[in-house]
N, C-alpha and C. Protein backbone atom coordinates (compact mmCIF):
# COMPACT_ATOMS: atom_id res chain seq x y z
N MET A 1 5.96 15.18 -2.82
CA MET A 1 6.53 16.11 -3.67
C MET A 1 7.38 15.24 -4.57
N ILE A 2 7.54 15.34 -5.99
CA ILE A 2 8.17 14.71 -6.91
C ILE A 2 9.81 15.09 -6.67
N ASP A 3 10.52 13.95 -6.46
CA ASP A 3 12.07 13.90 -6.45
C ASP A 3 12.55 14.73 -7.71
N THR A 4 13.35 15.77 -7.42
CA THR A 4 13.74 16.50 -8.76
C THR A 4 14.99 15.76 -9.25
N GLY A 5 15.68 14.89 -8.69
CA GLY A 5 16.89 14.22 -9.16
C GLY A 5 17.86 14.17 -8.20
N GLY A 6 18.23 15.34 -7.46
CA GLY A 6 19.51 15.34 -6.60
C GLY A 6 19.37 14.36 -5.61
N ALA A 7 18.14 14.10 -4.94
CA ALA A 7 18.43 13.23 -3.91
C ALA A 7 18.42 11.90 -4.47
N CYS A 8 17.86 11.42 -5.68
CA CYS A 8 17.82 10.16 -6.09
C CYS A 8 19.34 9.99 -6.66
N ASP A 9 19.95 10.98 -7.30
CA ASP A 9 21.39 10.86 -7.52
C ASP A 9 22.22 10.47 -6.27
N ALA A 10 22.07 11.15 -5.38
CA ALA A 10 22.63 11.07 -3.96
C ALA A 10 22.55 9.54 -3.37
N GLN A 11 21.40 8.89 -3.52
CA GLN A 11 21.01 7.77 -3.11
C GLN A 11 21.60 6.59 -4.05
N GLU A 12 21.86 6.97 -5.47
CA GLU A 12 22.37 6.02 -6.17
C GLU A 12 23.80 5.95 -5.95
N ARG A 13 24.45 6.97 -5.60
CA ARG A 13 25.90 6.98 -5.17
C ARG A 13 26.05 6.23 -3.87
N LEU A 14 25.17 6.34 -2.77
CA LEU A 14 25.06 5.60 -1.68
C LEU A 14 25.01 4.15 -1.94
N VAL A 15 24.05 3.84 -2.85
CA VAL A 15 24.16 2.18 -3.28
C VAL A 15 25.18 1.57 -3.86
N ALA A 16 25.98 2.43 -4.77
CA ALA A 16 27.25 1.98 -5.40
C ALA A 16 28.39 2.04 -4.29
N GLU A 17 28.41 2.93 -3.30
CA GLU A 17 29.48 2.89 -2.34
C GLU A 17 29.12 1.57 -1.54
N ARG A 18 27.92 1.32 -1.15
CA ARG A 18 27.95 0.05 -0.26
C ARG A 18 27.84 -1.19 -0.86
N ARG A 19 27.59 -1.31 -2.08
CA ARG A 19 27.78 -2.41 -2.87
C ARG A 19 29.22 -2.74 -3.12
N LEU A 20 30.21 -1.65 -3.03
CA LEU A 20 31.56 -1.89 -3.44
C LEU A 20 32.20 -2.16 -1.94
N ALA A 21 31.67 -1.58 -1.05
CA ALA A 21 32.25 -1.79 0.44
C ALA A 21 31.79 -2.96 1.01
N LEU A 22 30.43 -3.38 0.96
CA LEU A 22 29.90 -4.39 1.71
C LEU A 22 29.53 -5.55 1.21
N GLY A 23 29.20 -5.41 -0.31
CA GLY A 23 28.68 -6.53 -1.16
C GLY A 23 27.12 -6.33 -1.61
N GLU A 24 26.56 -6.88 -2.57
CA GLU A 24 25.30 -6.93 -2.78
C GLU A 24 24.32 -7.32 -2.01
N ASP A 25 24.90 -8.44 -1.10
CA ASP A 25 23.52 -8.89 -0.37
C ASP A 25 23.75 -8.33 1.07
N HIS A 26 24.36 -7.47 1.62
CA HIS A 26 24.62 -6.89 2.79
C HIS A 26 23.28 -6.26 3.12
N PRO A 27 22.81 -6.23 4.54
CA PRO A 27 21.41 -5.72 4.81
C PRO A 27 21.66 -4.10 4.49
N GLU A 28 22.63 -3.48 4.68
CA GLU A 28 22.68 -2.09 4.69
C GLU A 28 22.50 -1.70 2.97
N THR A 29 23.34 -2.53 2.22
CA THR A 29 23.18 -2.48 0.95
C THR A 29 21.77 -2.68 0.50
N LEU A 30 21.36 -3.55 0.78
CA LEU A 30 19.77 -3.88 0.34
C LEU A 30 18.89 -2.93 0.90
N THR A 31 19.05 -2.32 2.29
CA THR A 31 18.17 -1.17 2.48
C THR A 31 18.24 0.11 1.60
N ALA A 32 19.73 0.49 1.28
CA ALA A 32 19.82 1.53 0.47
C ALA A 32 19.20 1.37 -0.97
N MET A 33 19.17 0.18 -1.31
CA MET A 33 18.44 -0.27 -2.69
C MET A 33 17.00 0.08 -2.55
N LEU A 34 16.42 -0.41 -1.37
CA LEU A 34 14.89 -0.36 -1.34
C LEU A 34 14.45 1.40 -1.25
N ASP A 35 15.41 2.06 -0.66
CA ASP A 35 15.21 3.50 -0.63
C ASP A 35 15.53 4.13 -1.71
N LEU A 36 16.27 3.73 -2.69
CA LEU A 36 16.49 4.19 -3.95
C LEU A 36 15.47 3.88 -4.83
N ALA A 37 14.78 2.53 -4.54
CA ALA A 37 13.57 2.22 -5.35
C ALA A 37 12.48 3.07 -5.08
N ASP A 38 12.30 3.52 -3.76
CA ASP A 38 11.19 4.46 -3.48
C ASP A 38 11.20 5.78 -4.09
N ARG A 39 12.59 6.34 -4.30
CA ARG A 39 12.83 7.60 -4.96
C ARG A 39 12.37 7.57 -6.39
N LEU A 40 13.06 6.34 -6.98
CA LEU A 40 12.65 6.17 -8.43
C LEU A 40 10.93 6.17 -8.48
N TRP A 41 10.32 5.28 -7.69
CA TRP A 41 8.88 5.44 -7.71
C TRP A 41 8.32 6.89 -7.78
N ALA A 42 8.78 7.63 -6.93
CA ALA A 42 8.49 9.04 -6.88
C ALA A 42 8.62 9.93 -8.08
N GLN A 43 9.41 9.40 -8.97
CA GLN A 43 9.77 10.05 -10.12
C GLN A 43 9.05 9.25 -11.32
N GLY A 44 8.28 8.28 -11.02
CA GLY A 44 7.54 7.54 -12.02
C GLY A 44 8.36 6.50 -12.62
N ARG A 45 9.54 6.07 -12.20
CA ARG A 45 10.31 5.30 -12.94
C ARG A 45 10.20 3.91 -12.40
N LEU A 46 9.15 3.33 -12.76
CA LEU A 46 8.80 1.96 -12.33
C LEU A 46 9.47 0.82 -12.66
N ILE A 47 9.96 0.94 -13.92
CA ILE A 47 10.82 -0.39 -14.29
C ILE A 47 11.96 -0.14 -13.36
N ALA A 48 12.70 0.90 -13.37
CA ALA A 48 13.72 0.89 -12.72
C ALA A 48 13.70 0.51 -11.03
N ALA A 49 12.48 1.03 -10.55
CA ALA A 49 12.24 0.60 -9.25
C ALA A 49 11.99 -0.79 -9.00
N ARG A 50 11.16 -1.52 -9.92
CA ARG A 50 10.77 -2.71 -10.03
C ARG A 50 12.36 -3.67 -9.97
N GLN A 51 13.29 -3.31 -10.74
CA GLN A 51 14.30 -3.98 -10.92
C GLN A 51 15.05 -4.30 -9.63
N LEU A 52 15.19 -2.87 -8.98
CA LEU A 52 15.86 -2.95 -7.59
C LEU A 52 15.20 -3.77 -6.44
N GLU A 53 13.59 -3.65 -6.71
CA GLU A 53 12.90 -4.37 -5.59
C GLU A 53 13.14 -5.85 -5.69
N GLU A 54 13.23 -6.26 -6.99
CA GLU A 54 13.26 -7.57 -7.24
C GLU A 54 14.84 -8.24 -6.70
N LYS A 55 15.86 -7.41 -6.90
CA LYS A 55 17.03 -7.71 -6.22
C LYS A 55 17.06 -7.65 -4.85
N VAL A 56 16.28 -7.03 -4.27
CA VAL A 56 16.23 -6.75 -2.62
C VAL A 56 15.59 -7.88 -2.16
N VAL A 57 14.39 -8.31 -2.79
CA VAL A 57 13.63 -9.57 -2.46
C VAL A 57 14.54 -10.69 -2.48
N GLU A 58 15.28 -11.00 -3.54
CA GLU A 58 16.09 -11.99 -3.78
C GLU A 58 17.12 -11.96 -2.58
N GLY A 59 17.80 -11.12 -2.57
CA GLY A 59 18.93 -10.83 -1.54
C GLY A 59 18.26 -11.04 -0.19
N ARG A 60 17.17 -10.62 0.34
CA ARG A 60 16.68 -10.85 1.61
C ARG A 60 16.25 -12.16 1.81
N ARG A 61 15.81 -13.01 0.88
CA ARG A 61 15.37 -14.50 0.79
C ARG A 61 16.48 -15.14 1.10
N ARG A 62 17.72 -14.70 0.43
CA ARG A 62 19.06 -15.57 0.61
C ARG A 62 19.47 -15.35 1.98
N GLN A 63 19.47 -14.21 2.32
CA GLN A 63 20.08 -13.64 3.56
C GLN A 63 19.40 -14.10 4.78
N LEU A 64 18.04 -13.80 4.61
CA LEU A 64 17.01 -13.74 6.08
C LEU A 64 16.04 -14.84 5.96
N GLY A 65 15.91 -15.43 4.73
CA GLY A 65 14.75 -16.51 4.68
C GLY A 65 13.37 -15.79 4.30
N GLU A 66 12.34 -16.73 4.01
CA GLU A 66 11.11 -16.34 3.49
C GLU A 66 10.45 -15.76 4.52
N GLN A 67 10.49 -16.13 5.80
CA GLN A 67 9.57 -15.72 6.91
C GLN A 67 10.29 -14.59 7.63
N HIS A 68 10.82 -13.57 7.12
CA HIS A 68 11.28 -12.76 7.98
C HIS A 68 10.77 -11.22 7.74
N ALA A 69 10.43 -10.39 8.54
CA ALA A 69 9.68 -9.24 8.48
C ALA A 69 10.39 -8.29 7.39
N ASP A 70 11.48 -8.14 7.21
CA ASP A 70 12.34 -7.45 6.07
C ASP A 70 12.05 -8.08 4.70
N THR A 71 11.91 -9.27 4.77
CA THR A 71 11.68 -10.22 3.39
C THR A 71 10.21 -9.83 3.06
N LEU A 72 9.21 -9.83 4.09
CA LEU A 72 7.99 -9.68 3.47
C LEU A 72 7.76 -8.44 3.29
N ARG A 73 8.47 -7.31 3.88
CA ARG A 73 8.35 -5.88 3.62
C ARG A 73 8.71 -5.63 2.14
N ALA A 74 9.75 -6.39 1.67
CA ALA A 74 10.31 -6.03 0.51
C ALA A 74 9.21 -6.61 -0.68
N ILE A 75 8.78 -7.85 -0.21
CA ILE A 75 7.91 -8.43 -1.30
C ILE A 75 6.61 -7.55 -1.37
N GLY A 76 6.07 -6.98 -0.15
CA GLY A 76 5.12 -6.20 -0.37
C GLY A 76 5.17 -5.03 -1.38
N LYS A 77 6.51 -4.27 -1.13
CA LYS A 77 6.76 -3.14 -2.01
C LYS A 77 6.92 -3.30 -3.55
N LEU A 78 7.47 -4.61 -3.75
CA LEU A 78 7.44 -5.16 -5.07
C LEU A 78 6.14 -5.46 -5.64
N ALA A 79 5.34 -6.03 -4.85
CA ALA A 79 3.86 -6.32 -5.22
C ALA A 79 3.05 -5.17 -5.57
N VAL A 80 3.33 -4.07 -4.91
CA VAL A 80 2.63 -2.82 -5.22
C VAL A 80 3.01 -2.29 -6.52
N THR A 81 4.43 -2.19 -6.87
CA THR A 81 5.12 -1.99 -8.17
C THR A 81 4.34 -2.54 -9.40
N LEU A 82 4.44 -4.16 -9.12
CA LEU A 82 3.84 -4.96 -10.01
C LEU A 82 2.44 -4.51 -10.40
N GLY A 83 1.56 -4.33 -9.25
CA GLY A 83 0.14 -4.04 -9.72
C GLY A 83 0.10 -2.51 -10.38
N ALA A 84 0.83 -1.63 -9.82
CA ALA A 84 1.02 -0.42 -10.74
C ALA A 84 1.30 -0.43 -12.26
N GLN A 85 2.12 -1.55 -12.52
CA GLN A 85 2.57 -1.72 -13.95
C GLN A 85 1.25 -2.76 -14.60
N GLY A 86 0.36 -3.05 -13.91
CA GLY A 86 -0.67 -3.74 -14.53
C GLY A 86 -0.36 -5.42 -14.27
N ASN A 87 0.56 -6.16 -13.69
CA ASN A 87 0.81 -7.40 -13.50
C ASN A 87 -0.03 -7.85 -12.16
N LEU A 88 -1.43 -7.91 -12.34
CA LEU A 88 -2.16 -8.03 -11.25
C LEU A 88 -2.20 -9.41 -10.71
N ALA A 89 -2.03 -10.44 -11.46
CA ALA A 89 -1.77 -11.77 -11.10
C ALA A 89 -0.57 -12.07 -10.29
N GLU A 90 0.52 -11.63 -10.57
CA GLU A 90 1.85 -11.80 -9.93
C GLU A 90 1.66 -10.83 -8.59
N ALA A 91 1.04 -9.57 -8.77
CA ALA A 91 1.02 -8.77 -7.31
C ALA A 91 0.26 -9.47 -6.51
N ARG A 92 -1.04 -10.03 -6.91
CA ARG A 92 -1.88 -10.76 -5.89
C ARG A 92 -0.93 -11.95 -5.39
N ARG A 93 -0.22 -12.63 -6.03
CA ARG A 93 0.41 -13.71 -5.52
C ARG A 93 1.45 -13.29 -4.45
N LEU A 94 2.04 -12.30 -4.73
CA LEU A 94 3.08 -11.68 -3.86
C LEU A 94 2.26 -11.20 -2.59
N GLN A 95 1.41 -10.50 -2.69
CA GLN A 95 0.79 -9.97 -1.64
C GLN A 95 0.13 -11.03 -0.72
N GLU A 96 -0.35 -11.95 -1.33
CA GLU A 96 -0.96 -13.20 -0.37
C GLU A 96 0.15 -13.97 0.37
N GLU A 97 1.36 -13.81 -0.23
CA GLU A 97 2.51 -14.41 0.36
C GLU A 97 2.85 -13.48 1.57
N ALA A 98 2.96 -12.26 1.26
CA ALA A 98 3.39 -11.04 2.46
C ALA A 98 2.25 -11.16 3.39
N VAL A 99 0.98 -11.43 3.34
CA VAL A 99 -0.20 -11.47 4.11
C VAL A 99 0.00 -12.53 5.22
N SER A 100 0.21 -13.84 4.30
CA SER A 100 0.35 -15.20 4.99
C SER A 100 1.48 -15.13 5.83
N GLY A 101 2.67 -14.46 5.61
CA GLY A 101 3.86 -14.58 6.44
C GLY A 101 3.48 -13.67 7.48
N ARG A 102 2.94 -12.44 7.33
CA ARG A 102 2.96 -11.47 8.47
C ARG A 102 2.06 -12.09 9.35
N ARG A 103 0.88 -12.78 8.95
CA ARG A 103 0.06 -13.21 9.88
C ARG A 103 0.60 -14.46 10.81
N ALA A 104 1.49 -15.14 10.09
CA ALA A 104 2.24 -16.05 10.92
C ALA A 104 3.01 -15.56 12.03
N LEU A 105 3.67 -14.42 11.60
CA LEU A 105 4.87 -13.79 12.42
C LEU A 105 4.13 -12.84 13.62
N PHE A 106 3.20 -12.20 13.26
CA PHE A 106 2.70 -11.02 14.13
C PHE A 106 1.22 -11.06 14.42
N GLY A 107 0.54 -11.76 13.61
CA GLY A 107 -1.04 -12.12 14.08
C GLY A 107 -1.81 -11.07 13.24
N ASP A 108 -3.08 -11.18 13.41
CA ASP A 108 -3.92 -10.29 12.50
C ASP A 108 -4.29 -8.95 12.93
N THR A 109 -3.50 -8.50 14.22
CA THR A 109 -4.00 -7.09 14.70
C THR A 109 -2.88 -6.33 14.35
N ASP A 110 -1.76 -6.87 13.93
CA ASP A 110 -0.65 -6.01 13.40
C ASP A 110 -0.82 -4.98 12.44
N LEU A 111 -0.49 -3.75 12.71
CA LEU A 111 -0.83 -2.52 11.65
C LEU A 111 -0.21 -2.99 10.18
N GLU A 112 0.90 -3.18 10.13
CA GLU A 112 1.68 -3.63 8.73
C GLU A 112 0.67 -4.96 8.29
N THR A 113 0.48 -5.71 9.03
CA THR A 113 -0.48 -7.03 8.55
C THR A 113 -1.70 -6.41 7.95
N LEU A 114 -2.29 -5.59 8.62
CA LEU A 114 -3.55 -5.04 7.99
C LEU A 114 -3.18 -4.25 6.97
N ARG A 115 -2.20 -3.37 6.89
CA ARG A 115 -2.09 -2.65 5.55
C ARG A 115 -1.80 -3.64 4.39
N ALA A 116 -1.00 -4.73 4.56
CA ALA A 116 -0.92 -5.57 3.43
C ALA A 116 -1.97 -6.27 3.22
N ILE A 117 -2.92 -6.63 3.93
CA ILE A 117 -4.38 -6.86 3.52
C ILE A 117 -4.96 -5.94 2.84
N ASN A 118 -5.03 -4.71 3.21
CA ASN A 118 -5.54 -3.56 2.50
C ASN A 118 -5.17 -3.74 1.08
N ASN A 119 -3.84 -3.41 0.99
CA ASN A 119 -3.37 -3.66 -0.45
C ASN A 119 -3.72 -4.98 -1.28
N LEU A 120 -3.86 -6.06 -0.64
CA LEU A 120 -4.50 -7.27 -1.29
C LEU A 120 -5.65 -6.99 -1.72
N ALA A 121 -6.56 -6.44 -0.97
CA ALA A 121 -7.92 -6.19 -1.43
C ALA A 121 -8.20 -5.17 -2.44
N GLY A 122 -7.09 -4.31 -2.70
CA GLY A 122 -7.08 -3.54 -3.89
C GLY A 122 -6.59 -4.18 -5.02
N THR A 123 -5.70 -4.87 -4.95
CA THR A 123 -5.67 -5.86 -6.17
C THR A 123 -6.55 -6.58 -6.75
N ILE A 124 -7.24 -7.14 -5.67
CA ILE A 124 -8.37 -8.14 -5.88
C ILE A 124 -9.37 -7.58 -6.45
N ALA A 125 -9.76 -6.15 -6.00
CA ALA A 125 -10.89 -5.35 -6.72
C ALA A 125 -10.30 -4.87 -8.13
N ALA A 126 -9.10 -4.64 -8.20
CA ALA A 126 -8.66 -4.47 -9.61
C ALA A 126 -8.80 -5.54 -10.56
N GLN A 127 -9.08 -6.74 -10.22
CA GLN A 127 -9.01 -7.90 -10.81
C GLN A 127 -10.60 -8.19 -11.15
N GLY A 128 -11.49 -7.32 -10.43
CA GLY A 128 -12.77 -7.56 -10.75
C GLY A 128 -13.63 -8.35 -9.68
N ASP A 129 -12.84 -8.78 -8.51
CA ASP A 129 -13.53 -9.67 -7.74
C ASP A 129 -13.91 -8.67 -6.45
N PHE A 130 -14.81 -7.79 -6.62
CA PHE A 130 -15.40 -6.85 -5.61
C PHE A 130 -15.82 -7.44 -4.31
N ALA A 131 -16.37 -8.77 -4.29
CA ALA A 131 -16.98 -9.39 -3.06
C ALA A 131 -15.64 -9.90 -2.33
N GLY A 132 -14.77 -10.35 -2.84
CA GLY A 132 -13.43 -10.71 -2.20
C GLY A 132 -12.75 -9.55 -1.52
N ALA A 133 -12.79 -8.41 -2.44
CA ALA A 133 -12.20 -7.18 -1.74
C ALA A 133 -12.95 -6.79 -0.54
N HIS A 134 -14.30 -6.84 -0.66
CA HIS A 134 -15.14 -6.17 0.31
C HIS A 134 -15.04 -7.05 1.67
N GLU A 135 -14.80 -8.27 1.46
CA GLU A 135 -14.68 -8.93 2.68
C GLU A 135 -13.23 -8.85 3.31
N LEU A 136 -12.30 -8.60 2.63
CA LEU A 136 -11.12 -8.31 3.31
C LEU A 136 -11.09 -6.93 4.11
N LEU A 137 -11.75 -6.07 3.35
CA LEU A 137 -11.69 -4.35 3.80
C LEU A 137 -12.54 -4.51 5.02
N GLU A 138 -13.74 -5.13 5.17
CA GLU A 138 -14.61 -5.26 6.30
C GLU A 138 -13.77 -5.65 7.39
N PHE A 139 -12.74 -6.66 7.30
CA PHE A 139 -12.05 -7.34 8.28
C PHE A 139 -11.14 -6.17 8.77
N VAL A 140 -10.40 -5.58 7.91
CA VAL A 140 -9.46 -4.58 8.07
C VAL A 140 -10.06 -3.58 8.82
N ILE A 141 -11.16 -2.88 8.54
CA ILE A 141 -11.96 -1.88 9.20
C ILE A 141 -12.37 -2.38 10.61
N ALA A 142 -12.86 -3.68 10.77
CA ALA A 142 -13.36 -4.17 12.07
C ALA A 142 -12.14 -4.24 12.89
N THR A 143 -11.09 -4.86 12.59
CA THR A 143 -9.86 -4.85 13.40
C THR A 143 -9.14 -3.75 13.77
N VAL A 144 -9.05 -2.55 12.77
CA VAL A 144 -8.44 -1.47 13.19
C VAL A 144 -9.25 -0.55 14.15
N VAL A 145 -10.57 -0.69 13.87
CA VAL A 145 -11.38 0.17 14.64
C VAL A 145 -11.43 -0.55 16.20
N ARG A 146 -11.26 -1.83 16.22
CA ARG A 146 -11.37 -2.33 17.62
C ARG A 146 -9.85 -2.28 18.17
N GLU A 147 -9.04 -2.32 17.52
CA GLU A 147 -7.65 -2.25 18.33
C GLU A 147 -7.06 -0.79 18.49
N PHE A 148 -7.42 0.08 17.55
CA PHE A 148 -6.81 1.43 17.43
C PHE A 148 -7.74 2.47 17.41
N GLY A 149 -9.09 2.19 17.14
CA GLY A 149 -10.05 3.18 17.01
C GLY A 149 -10.60 3.63 15.75
N GLU A 150 -11.74 4.08 15.60
CA GLU A 150 -12.24 4.36 14.34
C GLU A 150 -11.53 5.82 13.73
N GLU A 151 -10.89 6.48 14.52
CA GLU A 151 -10.45 7.57 13.86
C GLU A 151 -8.79 7.42 13.68
N HIS A 152 -8.55 6.26 13.55
CA HIS A 152 -7.08 5.91 13.18
C HIS A 152 -6.84 6.10 11.53
N PRO A 153 -5.77 6.56 11.07
CA PRO A 153 -5.62 6.78 9.63
C PRO A 153 -5.78 5.45 8.82
N ASP A 154 -5.39 4.48 9.52
CA ASP A 154 -5.53 3.06 8.86
C ASP A 154 -7.07 2.85 8.55
N SER A 155 -8.05 3.12 9.46
CA SER A 155 -9.12 2.82 9.70
C SER A 155 -9.97 3.65 8.46
N ILE A 156 -9.77 5.18 8.63
CA ILE A 156 -10.25 5.95 7.62
C ILE A 156 -9.82 5.59 6.04
N ARG A 157 -8.65 5.14 5.95
CA ARG A 157 -8.20 4.76 4.60
C ARG A 157 -8.70 3.33 4.00
N ALA A 158 -8.95 2.63 4.93
CA ALA A 158 -9.75 1.32 4.53
C ALA A 158 -11.22 1.59 4.25
N MET A 159 -11.83 2.54 4.89
CA MET A 159 -13.06 3.01 4.77
C MET A 159 -13.30 3.64 3.24
N SER A 160 -12.57 4.51 2.89
CA SER A 160 -12.29 5.14 1.78
C SER A 160 -11.97 4.10 0.68
N ASN A 161 -11.15 3.10 0.79
CA ASN A 161 -11.21 2.09 -0.28
C ASN A 161 -12.44 1.18 -0.44
N LEU A 162 -13.14 0.81 0.74
CA LEU A 162 -14.35 0.01 0.60
C LEU A 162 -15.45 0.83 0.08
N ALA A 163 -15.48 2.16 0.18
CA ALA A 163 -16.56 2.99 -0.37
C ALA A 163 -16.30 3.14 -1.92
N ALA A 164 -14.87 3.33 -2.33
CA ALA A 164 -14.75 3.04 -3.88
C ALA A 164 -15.14 1.68 -4.47
N ILE A 165 -14.84 0.73 -3.76
CA ILE A 165 -15.31 -0.74 -4.18
C ILE A 165 -16.76 -0.86 -4.41
N LEU A 166 -17.46 -0.45 -3.12
CA LEU A 166 -19.09 -0.38 -3.22
C LEU A 166 -19.59 0.18 -4.31
N TRP A 167 -19.04 1.49 -4.60
CA TRP A 167 -19.15 2.31 -5.55
C TRP A 167 -19.26 1.49 -7.03
N GLN A 168 -18.09 1.02 -7.31
CA GLN A 168 -17.68 0.28 -8.50
C GLN A 168 -18.59 -0.85 -8.56
N GLY A 169 -18.93 -1.38 -7.63
CA GLY A 169 -19.89 -2.78 -7.52
C GLY A 169 -21.33 -2.45 -7.77
N GLY A 170 -21.52 -1.09 -7.63
CA GLY A 170 -23.19 -0.76 -7.72
C GLY A 170 -24.09 -0.47 -6.54
N ASP A 171 -23.24 -0.59 -5.45
CA ASP A 171 -23.79 -0.44 -4.10
C ASP A 171 -23.73 0.97 -3.65
N ARG A 172 -24.44 1.94 -4.43
CA ARG A 172 -23.83 3.46 -4.36
C ARG A 172 -24.46 3.92 -3.06
N ALA A 173 -25.70 3.58 -2.58
CA ALA A 173 -26.25 4.45 -1.15
C ALA A 173 -25.27 3.80 -0.30
N GLU A 174 -24.76 2.63 0.15
CA GLU A 174 -23.91 2.38 0.90
C GLU A 174 -22.56 2.97 0.89
N ALA A 175 -22.12 3.06 -0.44
CA ALA A 175 -20.98 3.80 -0.89
C ALA A 175 -20.79 5.36 -0.50
N TYR A 176 -22.04 5.74 -0.85
CA TYR A 176 -21.96 7.37 -0.76
C TYR A 176 -22.01 7.54 1.05
N ALA A 177 -22.87 6.79 1.75
CA ALA A 177 -22.90 6.88 3.14
C ALA A 177 -21.40 6.60 3.81
N LEU A 178 -20.83 5.79 3.29
CA LEU A 178 -19.46 5.44 3.91
C LEU A 178 -18.36 6.47 3.65
N GLN A 179 -18.50 7.20 2.41
CA GLN A 179 -17.63 8.22 1.92
C GLN A 179 -17.98 9.44 2.62
N GLN A 180 -19.25 9.73 3.01
CA GLN A 180 -19.42 10.85 3.82
C GLN A 180 -18.78 10.56 5.35
N GLN A 181 -18.79 9.44 5.67
CA GLN A 181 -18.24 9.13 7.15
C GLN A 181 -16.67 9.32 6.93
N VAL A 182 -16.16 8.93 5.79
CA VAL A 182 -14.72 9.11 5.57
C VAL A 182 -14.34 10.77 5.72
N VAL A 183 -15.21 11.44 5.31
CA VAL A 183 -14.98 13.03 4.93
C VAL A 183 -15.15 13.56 6.43
N GLU A 184 -16.05 13.13 7.16
CA GLU A 184 -16.32 13.72 8.49
C GLU A 184 -15.34 13.22 9.30
N LEU A 185 -14.69 11.90 9.40
CA LEU A 185 -13.50 11.60 10.20
C LEU A 185 -12.37 12.31 9.79
N GLY A 186 -12.28 12.47 8.45
CA GLY A 186 -10.88 13.23 8.06
C GLY A 186 -10.86 14.66 8.53
N ARG A 187 -11.94 15.34 8.49
CA ARG A 187 -12.04 16.67 9.04
C ARG A 187 -11.91 16.53 10.63
N LEU A 188 -12.39 15.79 11.37
CA LEU A 188 -12.17 15.73 12.89
C LEU A 188 -10.69 15.31 12.92
N VAL A 189 -10.18 14.39 12.28
CA VAL A 189 -8.86 14.06 12.75
C VAL A 189 -7.72 14.86 12.06
N SER A 190 -8.02 15.34 11.03
CA SER A 190 -6.80 16.01 10.00
C SER A 190 -7.18 17.52 9.98
N GLY A 191 -8.46 17.90 10.21
CA GLY A 191 -8.80 19.29 9.65
C GLY A 191 -9.38 19.41 8.10
N GLU A 192 -9.87 20.51 8.21
CA GLU A 192 -10.60 20.81 6.52
C GLU A 192 -9.66 20.99 5.60
N ASP A 193 -8.44 21.58 5.96
CA ASP A 193 -7.47 21.89 4.92
C ASP A 193 -6.37 20.72 4.74
N ASP A 194 -6.48 19.48 5.29
CA ASP A 194 -5.67 18.60 4.98
C ASP A 194 -5.89 18.07 3.62
N GLU A 195 -4.59 17.53 3.05
CA GLU A 195 -4.96 17.07 1.64
C GLU A 195 -5.71 15.71 1.43
N ALA A 196 -5.66 14.84 2.33
CA ALA A 196 -6.45 13.64 2.39
C ALA A 196 -7.94 14.05 2.44
N THR A 197 -8.29 15.10 3.29
CA THR A 197 -9.64 15.41 3.69
C THR A 197 -10.08 16.01 2.33
N HIS A 198 -9.32 16.85 1.67
CA HIS A 198 -9.79 17.68 0.21
C HIS A 198 -10.28 16.52 -0.62
N THR A 199 -9.14 15.41 -0.65
CA THR A 199 -9.41 14.42 -1.64
C THR A 199 -10.72 13.64 -1.38
N ALA A 200 -10.68 13.30 -0.13
CA ALA A 200 -12.10 12.62 0.16
C ALA A 200 -13.60 13.42 -0.06
N ALA A 201 -13.47 14.72 0.31
CA ALA A 201 -14.33 15.61 -0.18
C ALA A 201 -14.59 15.67 -1.78
N ALA A 202 -13.51 15.46 -2.37
CA ALA A 202 -13.58 15.64 -3.86
C ALA A 202 -14.25 14.32 -4.59
N ILE A 203 -13.99 13.25 -3.82
CA ILE A 203 -14.68 11.95 -4.10
C ILE A 203 -16.00 12.04 -3.80
N LEU A 204 -16.40 12.46 -2.83
CA LEU A 204 -17.61 12.41 -2.33
C LEU A 204 -18.79 13.70 -3.31
N ALA A 205 -18.11 14.56 -3.81
CA ALA A 205 -18.56 15.44 -4.64
C ALA A 205 -18.69 14.98 -6.07
N ALA A 206 -17.88 13.97 -6.36
CA ALA A 206 -17.89 13.38 -7.51
C ALA A 206 -19.03 12.33 -7.70
N MET A 207 -19.28 11.69 -6.51
CA MET A 207 -20.24 10.50 -6.19
C MET A 207 -21.61 11.36 -6.46
N GLU A 208 -21.75 12.56 -5.89
CA GLU A 208 -23.08 13.11 -5.93
C GLU A 208 -23.24 13.63 -7.49
N GLN A 209 -22.11 14.02 -8.13
CA GLN A 209 -22.41 14.44 -9.53
C GLN A 209 -22.99 13.32 -10.34
N GLU A 210 -22.22 12.39 -10.25
CA GLU A 210 -22.42 11.01 -10.94
C GLU A 210 -23.71 10.60 -10.84
N ALA A 211 -24.25 10.74 -9.58
CA ALA A 211 -25.63 9.95 -9.18
C ALA A 211 -26.66 11.00 -9.37
N GLY A 212 -26.29 12.24 -9.61
CA GLY A 212 -27.25 13.32 -9.83
C GLY A 212 -27.92 13.83 -8.78
N CYS A 213 -27.19 13.92 -7.69
CA CYS A 213 -27.62 14.40 -6.26
C CYS A 213 -27.72 15.94 -6.42
C-alpha cells in the first residue's frame, strides 16, 4: 500500500528528534533514517530516499566499519535504489560489496546473503549479462532448495527471476516450464488468491500470448 503521507511525516519527525537528542551517527538515528527512506520509496520519492540511504551508509561505515551486518544491509538498500534510478554500474558495485561482505560474515547459506545475490543477479541481467545472472540465480535456487526446501518463498522468487531472464535471453521453452513451476508452487504455498500467485499466473499467460500458445 502506498503511504498517504501521515506515516512518512511522523517518521520525519522521529528522525528530527533523534538527530537533535542523539546525533546524526547514533545507531537509533540511522535506523530511523533508513525506515524513513523505506517510506519515501513507497511514495516513489527515490531521490530523497537515496539521499537518506547514502547518509546511513556513511554513518554506519564510520561507526561500525565496512564488514558489519547493518552496514551491509544499508549498502544493499542503497544499491536497490540506485538500480531503480538506472545507475546500474554503481548498483552492481555496491551489491558485489554487500554479497562479498555477507559471504565472509555469514557464509553462502544465509538467507540475506542469498537475497543479496538474487538482487545482484537482477542488476547484472539489466546490464544485459543474462549468462552471469543465470549462473547466480541457479546457485541461489539450488542453495535455498537444499537448505530450506523448494516451497520456500525465496526459492519461488528466484525461480521467477530466472524464468524472466531465460525468456529475455531467448530460451523460451525452459522459461515457460519454470514459470509453470512458479505458478504451481505459489498456488500450493500461498493459495490461488494470493497476490504473488496472481502475478505469476499473469506472467505465464503473457508468455503464452507472446509465444502464440
